Amino acid sequence: MGIISRAYEAISEASAKAGSLGFVAIGAGIAILTAGLSSLGESWIACHAIDAMSRNPEQKGKLQSTMILAIALDESCGIYALIVAILIIFILGGKIA
């Protein structure tokens, strides 16, 4: 936790010195971009799983369970990115304003 807390303090001090919410907005935008890319990954996983199921219908059950697991893992990355964006806005943004 030492590295994370030091990075948090450095970002907080830099944002406070800037005197604006610009850095906070950029950080939140990057986090939301990560969530958007996660949704593209989910569609890519589903597309290729359906393609594999159409080519090999005997393996449908195995492919479907693997696809569901992969989409769940990918969705968790998007949820974490959303949580990070919310924390950036409300915690760092609250220290500036």
PDB file of N, CA and C in Angstrom:
ATOM      1  N   MET A   1       0.815  -1.201   0.000  1.00  0.00           N
ATOM      2  CA  MET A   1       0.000   0.000   0.000  1.00  0.00           C
ATOM      3  C   MET A   1       0.855   1.260   0.000  1.00  0.00           C
ATOM      4  N   GLY A   2       2.122   1.160   0.298  1.00  0.00           N
ATOM      5  CA  GLY A   2       2.975   2.334   0.360  1.00  0.00           C
ATOM      6  C   GLY A   2       3.057   3.063  -0.966  1.00  0.00           C
ATOM      7  N   ILE A   3       3.211   2.318  -2.046  1.00  0.00           N
ATOM      8  CA  ILE A   3       3.331   2.935  -3.369  1.00  0.00           C
ATOM      9  C   ILE A   3       2.029   3.609  -3.758  1.00  0.00           C
ATOM     10  N   ILE A   4       0.921   2.956  -3.483  1.00  0.00           N
ATOM     11  CA  ILE A   4      -0.382   3.522  -3.854  1.00  0.00           C
ATOM     12  C   ILE A   4      -0.657   4.791  -3.057  1.00  0.00           C
ATOM     13  N   SER A   5      -0.349   4.771  -1.760  1.00  0.00           N
ATOM     14  CA  SER A   5      -0.617   5.962  -0.951  1.00  0.00           C
ATOM     15  C   SER A   5       0.301   7.113  -1.353  1.00  0.00           C
ATOM     16  N   ARG A   6       1.559   6.810  -1.694  1.00  0.00           N
ATOM     17  CA  ARG A   6       2.462   7.871  -2.142  1.00  0.00           C
ATOM     18  C   ARG A   6       2.005   8.453  -3.480  1.00  0.00           C
ATOM     19  N   ALA A   7       1.549   7.590  -4.385  1.00  0.00           N
ATOM     20  CA  ALA A   7       1.045   8.069  -5.678  1.00  0.00           C
ATOM     21  C   ALA A   7      -0.203   8.921  -5.472  1.00  0.00           C
ATOM     22  N   TYR A   8      -1.070   8.473  -4.558  1.00  0.00           N
ATOM     23  CA  TYR A   8      -2.287   9.231  -4.247  1.00  0.00           C
ATOM     24  C   TYR A   8      -1.933  10.611  -3.709  1.00  0.00           C
ATOM     25  N   GLU A   9      -0.975  10.680  -2.804  1.00  0.00           N
ATOM     26  CA  GLU A   9      -0.557  11.964  -2.235  1.00  0.00           C
ATOM     27  C   GLU A   9       0.065  12.864  -3.298  1.00  0.00           C
ATOM     28  N   ALA A  10       0.877  12.274  -4.171  1.00  0.00           N
ATOM     29  CA  ALA A  10       1.513  13.069  -5.225  1.00  0.00           C
ATOM     30  C   ALA A  10       0.479  13.634  -6.188  1.00  0.00           C
ATOM     31  N   ILE A  11      -0.482  12.823  -6.572  1.00  0.00           N
ATOM     32  CA  ILE A  11      -1.533  13.296  -7.484  1.00  0.00           C
ATOM     33  C   ILE A  11      -2.380  14.356  -6.796  1.00  0.00           C
ATOM     34  N   SER A  12      -2.672  14.128  -5.534  1.00  0.00           N
ATOM     35  CA  SER A  12      -3.483  15.087  -4.784  1.00  0.00           C
ATOM     36  C   SER A  12      -2.776  16.432  -4.667  1.00  0.00           C
ATOM     37  N   GLU A  13      -1.470  16.410  -4.360  1.00  0.00           N
ATOM     38  CA  GLU A  13      -0.717  17.656  -4.251  1.00  0.00           C
ATOM     39  C   GLU A  13      -0.599  18.364  -5.599  1.00  0.00           C
ATOM     40  N   ALA A  14      -0.360  17.597  -6.656  1.00  0.00           N
ATOM     41  CA  ALA A  14      -0.253  18.201  -7.991  1.00  0.00           C
ATOM     42  C   ALA A  14      -1.572  18.828  -8.414  1.00  0.00           C
ATOM     43  N   SER A  15      -2.664  18.164  -8.101  1.00  0.00           N
ATOM     44  CA  SER A  15      -3.971  18.705  -8.453  1.00  0.00           C
ATOM     45  C   SER A  15      -4.278  19.949  -7.637  1.00  0.00           C
ATOM     46  N   ALA A  16      -3.905  19.931  -6.367  1.00  0.00           N
ATOM     47  CA  ALA A  16      -4.160  21.095  -5.521  1.00  0.00           C
ATOM     48  C   ALA A  16      -3.329  22.288  -5.975  1.00  0.00           C
ATOM     49  N   LYS A  17      -2.103  22.028  -6.418  1.00  0.00           N
ATOM     50  CA  LYS A  17      -1.247  23.114  -6.891  1.00  0.00           C
ATOM     51  C   LYS A  17      -1.789  23.704  -8.187  1.00  0.00           C
ATOM     52  N   ALA A  18      -2.371  22.876  -9.012  1.00  0.00           N
ATOM     53  CA  ALA A  18      -2.891  23.370 -10.284  1.00  0.00           C
ATOM     54  C   ALA A  18      -4.095  24.277 -10.061  1.00  0.00           C
ATOM     55  N   GLY A  19      -4.825  24.028  -8.988  1.00  0.00           N
ATOM     56  CA  GLY A  19      -5.945  24.892  -8.661  1.00  0.00           C
ATOM     57  C   GLY A  19      -7.166  24.674  -9.534  1.00  0.00           C
ATOM     58  N   SER A  20      -7.213  23.600 -10.277  1.00  0.00           N
ATOM     59  CA  SER A  20      -8.379  23.346 -11.115  1.00  0.00           C
ATOM     60  C   SER A  20      -8.693  21.861 -11.089  1.00  0.00           C
ATOM     61  N   LEU A  21      -9.811  21.554 -11.619  1.00  0.00           N
ATOM     62  CA  LEU A  21     -10.241  20.164 -11.671  1.00  0.00           C
ATOM     63  C   LEU A  21      -9.802  19.478 -12.953  1.00  0.00           C
ATOM     64  N   GLY A  22      -8.932  20.095 -13.711  1.00  0.00           N
ATOM     65  CA  GLY A  22      -8.518  19.553 -15.001  1.00  0.00           C
ATOM     66  C   GLY A  22      -7.842  18.203 -14.896  1.00  0.00           C
ATOM     67  N   PHE A  23      -6.896  18.074 -13.959  1.00  0.00           N
ATOM     68  CA  PHE A  23      -6.208  16.797 -13.803  1.00  0.00           C
ATOM     69  C   PHE A  23      -7.152  15.705 -13.324  1.00  0.00           C
ATOM     70  N   VAL A  24      -8.083  16.091 -12.463  1.00  0.00           N
ATOM     71  CA  VAL A  24      -9.055  15.120 -11.964  1.00  0.00           C
ATOM     72  C   VAL A  24      -9.943  14.639 -13.107  1.00  0.00           C
ATOM     73  N   ALA A  25     -10.360  15.551 -13.965  1.00  0.00           N
ATOM     74  CA  ALA A  25     -11.203  15.179 -15.099  1.00  0.00           C
ATOM     75  C   ALA A  25     -10.452  14.285 -16.076  1.00  0.00           C
ATOM     76  N   ILE A  26      -9.176  14.567 -16.289  1.00  0.00           N
ATOM     77  CA  ILE A  26      -8.373  13.728 -17.191  1.00  0.00           C
ATOM     78  C   ILE A  26      -8.223  12.328 -16.610  1.00  0.00           C
ATOM     79  N   GLY A  27      -7.943  12.242 -15.315  1.00  0.00           N
ATOM     80  CA  GLY A  27      -7.807  10.928 -14.679  1.00  0.00           C
ATOM     81  C   GLY A  27      -9.094  10.126 -14.731  1.00  0.00           C
ATOM     82  N   ALA A  28     -10.216  10.785 -14.471  1.00  0.00           N
ATOM     83  CA  ALA A  28     -11.506  10.095 -14.539  1.00  0.00           C
ATOM     84  C   ALA A  28     -11.816   9.681 -15.976  1.00  0.00           C
ATOM     85  N   GLY A  29     -11.448  10.524 -16.943  1.00  0.00           N
ATOM     86  CA  GLY A  29     -11.667  10.180 -18.353  1.00  0.00           C
ATOM     87  C   GLY A  29     -10.865   8.966 -18.779  1.00  0.00           C
ATOM     88  N   ILE A  30      -9.630   8.877 -18.303  1.00  0.00           N
ATOM     89  CA  ILE A  30      -8.802   7.706 -18.625  1.00  0.00           C
ATOM     90  C   ILE A  30      -9.404   6.443 -18.017  1.00  0.00           C
ATOM     91  N   ALA A  31      -9.913   6.562 -16.788  1.00  0.00           N
ATOM     92  CA  ALA A  31     -10.535   5.397 -16.154  1.00  0.00           C
ATOM     93  C   ALA A  31     -11.787   4.964 -16.913  1.00  0.00           C
ATOM     94  N   ILE A  32     -12.585   5.905 -17.358  1.00  0.00           N
ATOM     95  CA  ILE A  32     -13.791   5.565 -18.120  1.00  0.00           C
ATOM     96  C   ILE A  32     -13.428   5.009 -19.491  1.00  0.00           C
ATOM     97  N   LEU A  33     -12.345   5.493 -20.086  1.00  0.00           N
ATOM     98  CA  LEU A  33     -11.877   4.924 -21.349  1.00  0.00           C
ATOM     99  C   LEU A  33     -11.528   3.449 -21.169  1.00  0.00           C
ATOM    100  N   THR A  34     -10.920   3.116 -20.040  1.00  0.00           N
ATOM    101  CA  THR A  34     -10.617   1.721 -19.741  1.00  0.00           C
ATOM    102  C   THR A  34     -11.892   0.889 -19.662  1.00  0.00           C
ATOM    103  N   ALA A  35     -12.930   1.442 -19.043  1.00  0.00           N
ATOM    104  CA  ALA A  35     -14.205   0.728 -18.969  1.00  0.00           C
ATOM    105  C   ALA A  35     -14.810   0.544 -20.362  1.00  0.00           C
ATOM    106  N   GLY A  36     -14.671   1.546 -21.214  1.00  0.00           N
ATOM    107  CA  GLY A  36     -15.169   1.424 -22.583  1.00  0.00           C
ATOM    108  C   GLY A  36     -14.433   0.366 -23.374  1.00  0.00           C
ATOM    109  N   LEU A  37     -13.125   0.310 -23.197  1.00  0.00           N
ATOM    110  CA  LEU A  37     -12.339  -0.725 -23.875  1.00  0.00           C
ATOM    111  C   LEU A  37     -12.681  -2.112 -23.349  1.00  0.00           C
ATOM    112  N   SER A  38     -13.060  -2.180 -22.089  1.00  0.00           N
ATOM    113  CA  SER A  38     -13.485  -3.448 -21.521  1.00  0.00           C
ATOM    114  C   SER A  38     -14.754  -3.954 -22.217  1.00  0.00           C
ATOM    115  N   SER A  39     -15.667  -3.046 -22.536  1.00  0.00           N
ATOM    116  CA  SER A  39     -16.889  -3.466 -23.241  1.00  0.00           C
ATOM    117  C   SER A  39     -16.579  -3.952 -24.652  1.00  0.00           C
ATOM    118  N   LEU A  40     -15.579  -3.346 -25.286  1.00  0.00           N
ATOM    119  CA  LEU A  40     -15.168  -3.852 -26.599  1.00  0.00           C
ATOM    120  C   LEU A  40     -14.577  -5.262 -26.475  1.00  0.00           C
ATOM    121  N   GLY A  41     -13.835  -5.499 -25.402  1.00  0.00           N
ATOM    122  CA  GLY A  41     -13.290  -6.825 -25.158  1.00  0.00           C
ATOM    123  C   GLY A  41     -14.379  -7.863 -24.950  1.00  0.00           C
ATOM    124  N   GLU A  42     -15.432  -7.471 -24.243  1.00  0.00           N
ATOM    125  CA  GLU A  42     -16.552  -8.400 -24.036  1.00  0.00           C
ATOM    126  C   GLU A  42     -17.200  -8.780 -25.358  1.00  0.00           C
ATOM    127  N   SER A  43     -17.404  -7.809 -26.215  1.00  0.00           N
ATOM    128  CA  SER A  43     -18.029  -8.121 -27.502  1.00  0.00           C
ATOM    129  C   SER A  43     -17.120  -8.999 -28.356  1.00  0.00           C
ATOM    130  N   TRP A  44     -15.809  -8.779 -28.254  1.00  0.00           N
ATOM    131  CA  TRP A  44     -14.858  -9.606 -28.998  1.00  0.00           C
ATOM    132  C   TRP A  44     -14.899 -11.046 -28.493  1.00  0.00           C
ATOM    133  N   ILE A  45     -14.953 -11.222 -27.176  1.00  0.00           N
ATOM    134  CA  ILE A  45     -15.036 -12.566 -26.591  1.00  0.00           C
ATOM    135  C   ILE A  45     -16.303 -13.270 -27.056  1.00  0.00           C
ATOM    136  N   ALA A  46     -17.442 -12.579 -26.961  1.00  0.00           N
ATOM    137  CA  ALA A  46     -18.714 -13.190 -27.356  1.00  0.00           C
ATOM    138  C   ALA A  46     -18.732 -13.519 -28.846  1.00  0.00           C
ATOM    139  N   CYS A  47     -18.203 -12.635 -29.663  1.00  0.00           N
ATOM    140  CA  CYS A  47     -18.181 -12.852 -31.111  1.00  0.00           C
ATOM    141  C   CYS A  47     -17.413 -14.118 -31.465  1.00  0.00           C
ATOM    142  N   HIS A  48     -16.236 -14.255 -30.891  1.00  0.00           N
ATOM    143  CA  HIS A  48     -15.409 -15.404 -31.236  1.00  0.00           C
ATOM    144  C   HIS A  48     -15.921 -16.695 -30.602  1.00  0.00           C
ATOM    145  N   ALA A  49     -16.576 -16.593 -29.457  1.00  0.00           N
ATOM    146  CA  ALA A  49     -17.165 -17.790 -28.864  1.00  0.00           C
ATOM    147  C   ALA A  49     -18.338 -18.283 -29.712  1.00  0.00           C
ATOM    148  N   ILE A  50     -19.163 -17.380 -30.194  1.00  0.00           N
ATOM    149  CA  ILE A  50     -20.283 -17.771 -31.053  1.00  0.00           C
ATOM    150  C   ILE A  50     -19.765 -18.338 -32.365  1.00  0.00           C
ATOM    151  N   ASP A  51     -18.700 -17.745 -32.887  1.00  0.00           N
ATOM    152  CA  ASP A  51     -18.087 -18.263 -34.105  1.00  0.00           C
ATOM    153  C   ASP A  51     -17.573 -19.687 -33.881  1.00  0.00           C
ATOM    154  N   ALA A  52     -16.937 -19.917 -32.741  1.00  0.00           N
ATOM    155  CA  ALA A  52     -16.431 -21.260 -32.442  1.00  0.00           C
ATOM    156  C   ALA A  52     -17.571 -22.245 -32.244  1.00  0.00           C
ATOM    157  N   MET A  53     -18.679 -21.810 -31.636  1.00  0.00           N
ATOM    158  CA  MET A  53     -19.831 -22.693 -31.446  1.00  0.00           C
ATOM    159  C   MET A  53     -20.473 -23.062 -32.779  1.00  0.00           C
ATOM    160  N   SER A  54     -20.472 -22.126 -33.716  1.00  0.00           N
ATOM    161  CA  SER A  54     -21.067 -22.437 -35.018  1.00  0.00           C
ATOM    162  C   SER A  54     -20.177 -23.382 -35.823  1.00  0.00           C
ATOM    163  N   ARG A  55     -18.882 -23.341 -35.594  1.00  0.00           N
ATOM    164  CA  ARG A  55     -17.966 -24.235 -36.305  1.00  0.00           C
ATOM    165  C   ARG A  55     -17.911 -25.625 -35.688  1.00  0.00           C
ATOM    166  N   ASN A  56     -18.113 -25.683 -34.357  1.00  0.00           N
ATOM    167  CA  ASN A  56     -18.010 -26.958 -33.660  1.00  0.00           C
ATOM    168  C   ASN A  56     -19.148 -27.073 -32.640  1.00  0.00           C
ATOM    169  N   PRO A  57     -20.341 -27.436 -33.084  1.00  0.00           N
ATOM    170  CA  PRO A  57     -21.500 -27.473 -32.192  1.00  0.00           C
ATOM    171  C   PRO A  57     -21.382 -28.496 -31.050  1.00  0.00           C
ATOM    172  N   GLU A  58     -20.535 -29.520 -31.216  1.00  0.00           N
ATOM    173  CA  GLU A  58     -20.392 -30.522 -30.155  1.00  0.00           C
ATOM    174  C   GLU A  58     -19.759 -29.935 -28.899  1.00  0.00           C
ATOM    175  N   GLN A  59     -18.965 -28.907 -29.053  1.00  0.00           N
ATOM    176  CA  GLN A  59     -18.258 -28.297 -27.925  1.00  0.00           C
ATOM    177  C   GLN A  59     -19.004 -27.083 -27.355  1.00  0.00           C
ATOM    178  N   LYS A  60     -20.299 -26.976 -27.675  1.00  0.00           N
ATOM    179  CA  LYS A  60     -21.060 -25.791 -27.269  1.00  0.00           C
ATOM    180  C   LYS A  60     -21.038 -25.573 -25.766  1.00  0.00           C
ATOM    181  N   GLY A  61     -21.253 -26.604 -24.978  1.00  0.00           N
ATOM    182  CA  GLY A  61     -21.302 -26.449 -23.523  1.00  0.00           C
ATOM    183  C   GLY A  61     -19.986 -25.952 -22.942  1.00  0.00           C
ATOM    184  N   LYS A  62     -18.898 -26.553 -23.399  1.00  0.00           N
ATOM    185  CA  LYS A  62     -17.578 -26.151 -22.904  1.00  0.00           C
ATOM    186  C   LYS A  62     -17.243 -24.729 -23.337  1.00  0.00           C
ATOM    187  N   LEU A  63     -17.534 -24.403 -24.594  1.00  0.00           N
ATOM    188  CA  LEU A  63     -17.257 -23.055 -25.089  1.00  0.00           C
ATOM    189  C   LEU A  63     -18.116 -22.011 -24.386  1.00  0.00           C
ATOM    190  N   GLN A  64     -19.366 -22.362 -24.123  1.00  0.00           N
ATOM    191  CA  GLN A  64     -20.261 -21.403 -23.481  1.00  0.00           C
ATOM    192  C   GLN A  64     -19.822 -21.110 -22.050  1.00  0.00           C
ATOM    193  N   SER A  65     -19.423 -22.130 -21.314  1.00  0.00           N
ATOM    194  CA  SER A  65     -18.977 -21.891 -19.935  1.00  0.00           C
ATOM    195  C   SER A  65     -17.680 -21.094 -19.911  1.00  0.00           C
ATOM    196  N   THR A  66     -16.787 -21.365 -20.843  1.00  0.00           N
ATOM    197  CA  THR A  66     -15.543 -20.592 -20.928  1.00  0.00           C
ATOM    198  C   THR A  66     -15.834 -19.150 -21.309  1.00  0.00           C
ATOM    199  N   MET A  67     -16.777 -18.952 -22.218  1.00  0.00           N
ATOM    200  CA  MET A  67     -17.147 -17.595 -22.624  1.00  0.00           C
ATOM    201  C   MET A  67     -17.740 -16.822 -21.456  1.00  0.00           C
ATOM    202  N   ILE A  68     -18.612 -17.444 -20.688  1.00  0.00           N
ATOM    203  CA  ILE A  68     -19.231 -16.760 -19.556  1.00  0.00           C
ATOM    204  C   ILE A  68     -18.182 -16.369 -18.527  1.00  0.00           C
ATOM    205  N   LEU A  69     -17.235 -17.246 -18.253  1.00  0.00           N
ATOM    206  CA  LEU A  69     -16.164 -16.935 -17.316  1.00  0.00           C
ATOM    207  C   LEU A  69     -15.305 -15.780 -17.830  1.00  0.00           C
ATOM    208  N   ALA A  70     -14.960 -15.803 -19.107  1.00  0.00           N
ATOM    209  CA  ALA A  70     -14.124 -14.747 -19.678  1.00  0.00           C
ATOM    210  C   ALA A  70     -14.849 -13.403 -19.668  1.00  0.00           C
ATOM    211  N   ILE A  71     -16.129 -13.403 -19.983  1.00  0.00           N
ATOM    212  CA  ILE A  71     -16.894 -12.156 -19.970  1.00  0.00           C
ATOM    213  C   ILE A  71     -17.034 -11.632 -18.549  1.00  0.00           C
ATOM    214  N   ALA A  72     -17.204 -12.519 -17.575  1.00  0.00           N
ATOM    215  CA  ALA A  72     -17.290 -12.080 -16.176  1.00  0.00           C
ATOM    216  C   ALA A  72     -15.983 -11.440 -15.721  1.00  0.00           C
ATOM    217  N   LEU A  73     -14.860 -12.032 -16.095  1.00  0.00           N
ATOM    218  CA  LEU A  73     -13.569 -11.444 -15.737  1.00  0.00           C
ATOM    219  C   LEU A  73     -13.372 -10.093 -16.416  1.00  0.00           C
ATOM    220  N   ASP A  74     -13.767  -9.998 -17.662  1.00  0.00           N
ATOM    221  CA  ASP A  74     -13.632  -8.741 -18.390  1.00  0.00           C
ATOM    222  C   ASP A  74     -14.563  -7.677 -17.815  1.00  0.00           C
ATOM    223  N   GLU A  75     -15.752  -8.067 -17.418  1.00  0.00           N
ATOM    224  CA  GLU A  75     -16.703  -7.123 -16.836  1.00  0.00           C
ATOM    225  C   GLU A  75     -16.192  -6.590 -15.501  1.00  0.00           C
ATOM    226  N   SER A  76     -15.492  -7.434 -14.742  1.00  0.00           N
ATOM    227  CA  SER A  76     -14.955  -6.959 -13.466  1.00  0.00           C
ATOM    228  C   SER A  76     -13.920  -5.857 -13.685  1.00  0.00           C
ATOM    229  N   CYS A  77     -13.166  -5.930 -14.773  1.00  0.00           N
ATOM    230  CA  CYS A  77     -12.219  -4.845 -15.085  1.00  0.00           C
ATOM    231  C   CYS A  77     -12.963  -3.537 -15.359  1.00  0.00           C
ATOM    232  N   GLY A  78     -14.059  -3.618 -16.068  1.00  0.00           N
ATOM    233  CA  GLY A  78     -14.862  -2.426 -16.331  1.00  0.00           C
ATOM    234  C   GLY A  78     -15.465  -1.844 -15.066  1.00  0.00           C
ATOM    235  N   ILE A  79     -15.913  -2.711 -14.163  1.00  0.00           N
ATOM    236  CA  ILE A  79     -16.472  -2.243 -12.895  1.00  0.00           C
ATOM    237  C   ILE A  79     -15.396  -1.579 -12.047  1.00  0.00           C
ATOM    238  N   TYR A  80     -14.207  -2.175 -12.012  1.00  0.00           N
ATOM    239  CA  TYR A  80     -13.103  -1.560 -11.262  1.00  0.00           C
ATOM    240  C   TYR A  80     -12.746  -0.198 -11.844  1.00  0.00           C
ATOM    241  N   ALA A  81     -12.755  -0.061 -13.151  1.00  0.00           N
ATOM    242  CA  ALA A  81     -12.451   1.224 -13.778  1.00  0.00           C
ATOM    243  C   ALA A  81     -13.507   2.268 -13.412  1.00  0.00           C
ATOM    244  N   LEU A  82     -14.763   1.862 -13.358  1.00  0.00           N
ATOM    245  CA  LEU A  82     -15.823   2.782 -12.961  1.00  0.00           C
ATOM    246  C   LEU A  82     -15.659   3.216 -11.512  1.00  0.00           C
ATOM    247  N   ILE A  83     -15.308   2.277 -10.637  1.00  0.00           N
ATOM    248  CA  ILE A  83     -15.080   2.616  -9.223  1.00  0.00           C
ATOM    249  C   ILE A  83     -13.905   3.577  -9.092  1.00  0.00           C
ATOM    250  N   VAL A  84     -12.834   3.334  -9.835  1.00  0.00           N
ATOM    251  CA  VAL A  84     -11.676   4.236  -9.794  1.00  0.00           C
ATOM    252  C   VAL A  84     -12.070   5.634 -10.268  1.00  0.00           C
ATOM    253  N   ALA A  85     -12.859   5.725 -11.325  1.00  0.00           N
ATOM    254  CA  ALA A  85     -13.287   7.030 -11.826  1.00  0.00           C
ATOM    255  C   ALA A  85     -14.130   7.757 -10.784  1.00  0.00           C
ATOM    256  N   ILE A  86     -15.035   7.048 -10.122  1.00  0.00           N
ATOM    257  CA  ILE A  86     -15.861   7.670  -9.091  1.00  0.00           C
ATOM    258  C   ILE A  86     -15.003   8.144  -7.925  1.00  0.00           C
ATOM    259  N   LEU A  87     -14.044   7.320  -7.520  1.00  0.00           N
ATOM    260  CA  LEU A  87     -13.161   7.721  -6.424  1.00  0.00           C
ATOM    261  C   LEU A  87     -12.307   8.928  -6.804  1.00  0.00           C
ATOM    262  N   ILE A  88     -11.820   8.954  -8.032  1.00  0.00           N
ATOM    263  CA  ILE A  88     -11.023  10.098  -8.479  1.00  0.00           C
ATOM    264  C   ILE A  88     -11.862  11.374  -8.421  1.00  0.00           C
ATOM    265  N   ILE A  89     -13.077  11.303  -8.895  1.00  0.00           N
ATOM    266  CA  ILE A  89     -13.918  12.498  -8.930  1.00  0.00           C
ATOM    267  C   ILE A  89     -14.272  12.978  -7.529  1.00  0.00           C
ATOM    268  N   PHE A  90     -14.714  12.062  -6.668  1.00  0.00           N
ATOM    269  CA  PHE A  90     -15.220  12.498  -5.375  1.00  0.00           C
ATOM    270  C   PHE A  90     -14.134  12.702  -4.327  1.00  0.00           C
ATOM    271  N   ILE A  91     -13.067  11.944  -4.371  1.00  0.00           N
ATOM    272  CA  ILE A  91     -12.028  12.120  -3.355  1.00  0.00           C
ATOM    273  C   ILE A  91     -11.034  13.186  -3.780  1.00  0.00           C
ATOM    274  N   LEU A  92     -10.434  13.038  -4.935  1.00  0.00           N
ATOM    275  CA  LEU A  92      -9.484  14.061  -5.381  1.00  0.00           C
ATOM    276  C   LEU A  92     -10.175  15.358  -5.744  1.00  0.00           C
ATOM    277  N   GLY A  93     -11.334  15.264  -6.354  1.00  0.00           N
ATOM    278  CA  GLY A  93     -12.077  16.468  -6.701  1.00  0.00           C
ATOM    279  C   GLY A  93     -12.546  17.228  -5.471  1.00  0.00           C
ATOM    280  N   GLY A  94     -12.877  16.510  -4.413  1.00  0.00           N
ATOM    281  CA  GLY A  94     -13.312  17.156  -3.176  1.00  0.00           C
ATOM    282  C   GLY A  94     -12.178  17.885  -2.465  1.00  0.00           C
ATOM    283  N   LYS A  95     -10.951  17.416  -2.634  1.00  0.00           N
ATOM    284  CA  LYS A  95      -9.816  18.075  -2.005  1.00  0.00           C
ATOM    285  C   LYS A  95      -9.457  19.369  -2.703  1.00  0.00           C
ATOM    286  N   ILE A  96      -9.794  19.474  -3.972  1.00  0.00           N
ATOM    287  CA  ILE A  96      -9.448  20.688  -4.740  1.00  0.00           C
ATOM    288  C   ILE A  96     -10.488  21.771  -4.522  1.00  0.00           C
ATOM    289  N   ALA A  97     -11.747  21.369  -4.601  1.00  0.00           N
ATOM    290  CA  ALA A  97     -12.832  22.348  -4.537  1.00  0.00           C
ATOM    291  C   ALA A  97     -13.039  22.940  -3.164  1.00  0.00           C
TER     292      ALA A  97
END
